[in-house]
Amino acid sequence: MIRDMPSYSTIATALRKTTEHLALEVAQPRDSPPDWTELEWAIARSVAAMQGISFLLATRLRWKGPPAWQSFLADQREQCLLRDSVIGHLL
């Protein structure tokens, strides 16, 4: 068993909270970042990747968030652009 691992209910709550927030950010970007814990920011990165909305967030968000979030979105944006370039060349 991993020590210091949050409970299932804590993870489930954070997953629901971050998913709902990021979905709203895509539709109606807000001016300030959410007040999330480190766990919630980590889950938000997973949510963005799983939902395929990282590129949208990278180009639409009005706020920056913590450095790990900024780095994640920059990496996701770059990967998306590279993927689109490869697809364009293949077509």
C-alpha atoms as a PDB file:
ATOM      1  CA  MET A   1       0.000   0.000   0.000  1.00  0.00           C
ATOM      2  CA  ILE A   2       1.240   3.480  -0.862  1.00  0.00           C
ATOM      3  CA  ARG A   3       1.605   5.698   2.167  1.00  0.00           C
ATOM      4  CA  ASP A   4       0.226   9.219   2.170  1.00  0.00           C
ATOM      5  CA  MET A   5      -2.111   8.374  -0.692  1.00  0.00           C
ATOM      6  CA  PRO A   6      -5.381  10.326  -0.469  1.00  0.00           C
ATOM      7  CA  SER A   7      -8.556   8.387   0.130  1.00  0.00           C
ATOM      8  CA  TYR A   8     -10.720   7.271  -2.767  1.00  0.00           C
ATOM      9  CA  SER A   9     -13.398   9.782  -1.813  1.00  0.00           C
ATOM     10  CA  THR A  10     -10.845  12.616  -1.784  1.00  0.00           C
ATOM     11  CA  ILE A  11      -9.630  11.656  -5.253  1.00  0.00           C
ATOM     12  CA  ALA A  12     -13.187  11.226  -6.565  1.00  0.00           C
ATOM     13  CA  THR A  13     -14.194  14.632  -5.232  1.00  0.00           C
ATOM     14  CA  ALA A  14     -11.129  16.296  -6.767  1.00  0.00           C
ATOM     15  CA  LEU A  15     -11.752  14.548 -10.089  1.00  0.00           C
ATOM     16  CA  ARG A  16     -15.356  15.744 -10.206  1.00  0.00           C
ATOM     17  CA  LYS A  17     -14.432  19.279  -9.082  1.00  0.00           C
ATOM     18  CA  THR A  18     -11.612  19.761 -11.581  1.00  0.00           C
ATOM     19  CA  THR A  19     -13.515  18.164 -14.480  1.00  0.00           C
ATOM     20  CA  GLU A  20     -16.501  20.452 -13.977  1.00  0.00           C
ATOM     21  CA  HIS A  21     -14.307  23.518 -13.601  1.00  0.00           C
ATOM     22  CA  LEU A  22     -12.222  22.836 -16.698  1.00  0.00           C
ATOM     23  CA  ALA A  23     -15.339  22.139 -18.773  1.00  0.00           C
ATOM     24  CA  LEU A  24     -16.679  25.540 -17.745  1.00  0.00           C
ATOM     25  CA  GLU A  25     -13.325  27.165 -18.565  1.00  0.00           C
ATOM     26  CA  VAL A  26     -13.528  25.867 -22.135  1.00  0.00           C
ATOM     27  CA  ALA A  27     -17.015  27.326 -22.562  1.00  0.00           C
ATOM     28  CA  GLN A  28     -16.582  30.520 -20.538  1.00  0.00           C
ATOM     29  CA  PRO A  29     -13.008  31.334 -19.530  1.00  0.00           C
ATOM     30  CA  ARG A  30     -12.685  33.098 -16.188  1.00  0.00           C
ATOM     31  CA  ASP A  31     -10.238  35.816 -15.228  1.00  0.00           C
ATOM     32  CA  SER A  32      -8.549  34.096 -12.293  1.00  0.00           C
ATOM     33  CA  PRO A  33      -7.249  30.594 -11.613  1.00  0.00           C
ATOM     34  CA  PRO A  34      -9.068  28.217  -9.311  1.00  0.00           C
ATOM     35  CA  ASP A  35      -7.868  27.922  -5.727  1.00  0.00           C
ATOM     36  CA  TRP A  36      -6.858  24.273  -5.922  1.00  0.00           C
ATOM     37  CA  THR A  37      -4.611  22.103  -3.820  1.00  0.00           C
ATOM     38  CA  GLU A  38      -1.519  20.454  -5.294  1.00  0.00           C
ATOM     39  CA  LEU A  39      -3.533  17.229  -5.648  1.00  0.00           C
ATOM     40  CA  GLU A  40      -6.306  19.031  -7.508  1.00  0.00           C
ATOM     41  CA  TRP A  41      -3.803  20.624  -9.912  1.00  0.00           C
ATOM     42  CA  ALA A  42      -2.287  17.181 -10.577  1.00  0.00           C
ATOM     43  CA  ILE A  43      -5.726  15.738 -11.226  1.00  0.00           C
ATOM     44  CA  ALA A  44      -6.577  18.715 -13.452  1.00  0.00           C
ATOM     45  CA  ARG A  45      -3.598  17.849 -15.650  1.00  0.00           C
ATOM     46  CA  SER A  46      -4.886  14.289 -15.956  1.00  0.00           C
ATOM     47  CA  VAL A  47      -8.416  15.468 -16.669  1.00  0.00           C
ATOM     48  CA  ALA A  48      -7.270  17.861 -19.395  1.00  0.00           C
ATOM     49  CA  ALA A  49      -5.259  15.104 -21.083  1.00  0.00           C
ATOM     50  CA  MET A  50      -7.999  12.461 -20.761  1.00  0.00           C
ATOM     51  CA  GLN A  51     -10.702  14.792 -22.072  1.00  0.00           C
ATOM     52  CA  GLY A  52      -8.516  16.032 -24.929  1.00  0.00           C
ATOM     53  CA  ILE A  53      -8.969  19.687 -23.964  1.00  0.00           C
ATOM     54  CA  SER A  54      -5.374  20.634 -23.167  1.00  0.00           C
ATOM     55  CA  PHE A  55      -4.896  22.555 -26.406  1.00  0.00           C
ATOM     56  CA  LEU A  56      -8.141  24.450 -25.911  1.00  0.00           C
ATOM     57  CA  LEU A  57      -7.128  25.355 -22.386  1.00  0.00           C
ATOM     58  CA  ALA A  58      -3.661  26.397 -23.532  1.00  0.00           C
ATOM     59  CA  THR A  59      -5.147  28.830 -26.033  1.00  0.00           C
ATOM     60  CA  ARG A  60      -8.247  30.055 -24.153  1.00  0.00           C
ATOM     61  CA  LEU A  61      -7.400  30.437 -20.492  1.00  0.00           C
ATOM     62  CA  ARG A  62      -7.088  34.005 -19.243  1.00  0.00           C
ATOM     63  CA  TRP A  63      -5.076  32.992 -16.173  1.00  0.00           C
ATOM     64  CA  LYS A  64      -1.723  31.252 -15.768  1.00  0.00           C
ATOM     65  CA  GLY A  65      -1.961  28.932 -12.763  1.00  0.00           C
ATOM     66  CA  PRO A  66       1.071  27.383 -11.055  1.00  0.00           C
ATOM     67  CA  PRO A  67       4.317  26.664 -12.976  1.00  0.00           C
ATOM     68  CA  ALA A  68       3.607  22.921 -13.311  1.00  0.00           C
ATOM     69  CA  TRP A  69       0.245  23.718 -14.926  1.00  0.00           C
ATOM     70  CA  GLN A  70       1.791  26.248 -17.301  1.00  0.00           C
ATOM     71  CA  SER A  71       4.502  23.789 -18.291  1.00  0.00           C
ATOM     72  CA  PHE A  72       1.951  21.018 -18.824  1.00  0.00           C
ATOM     73  CA  LEU A  73      -0.202  23.172 -21.100  1.00  0.00           C
ATOM     74  CA  ALA A  74       2.831  24.384 -23.074  1.00  0.00           C
ATOM     75  CA  ASP A  75       3.989  20.784 -23.598  1.00  0.00           C
ATOM     76  CA  GLN A  76       0.487  19.655 -24.576  1.00  0.00           C
ATOM     77  CA  ARG A  77       0.149  22.549 -27.032  1.00  0.00           C
ATOM     78  CA  GLU A  78       3.491  21.706 -28.638  1.00  0.00           C
ATOM     79  CA  GLN A  79       2.597  18.021 -28.934  1.00  0.00           C
ATOM     80  CA  CYS A  80      -0.740  18.893 -30.510  1.00  0.00           C
ATOM     81  CA  LEU A  81       0.870  21.195 -33.072  1.00  0.00           C
ATOM     82  CA  LEU A  82       3.478  18.544 -33.930  1.00  0.00           C
ATOM     83  CA  ARG A  83       0.772  15.890 -34.293  1.00  0.00           C
ATOM     84  CA  ASP A  84      -1.274  18.158 -36.556  1.00  0.00           C
ATOM     85  CA  SER A  85       1.825  18.836 -38.663  1.00  0.00           C
ATOM     86  CA  VAL A  86       2.498  15.125 -39.096  1.00  0.00           C
ATOM     87  CA  ILE A  87      -1.146  14.500 -40.014  1.00  0.00           C
ATOM     88  CA  GLY A  88      -0.960  17.356 -42.542  1.00  0.00           C
ATOM     89  CA  HIS A  89       2.126  15.850 -44.143  1.00  0.00           C
ATOM     90  CA  LEU A  90       0.515  12.424 -44.308  1.00  0.00           C
ATOM     91  CA  LEU A  91      -2.560  13.804 -45.999  1.00  0.00           C
END
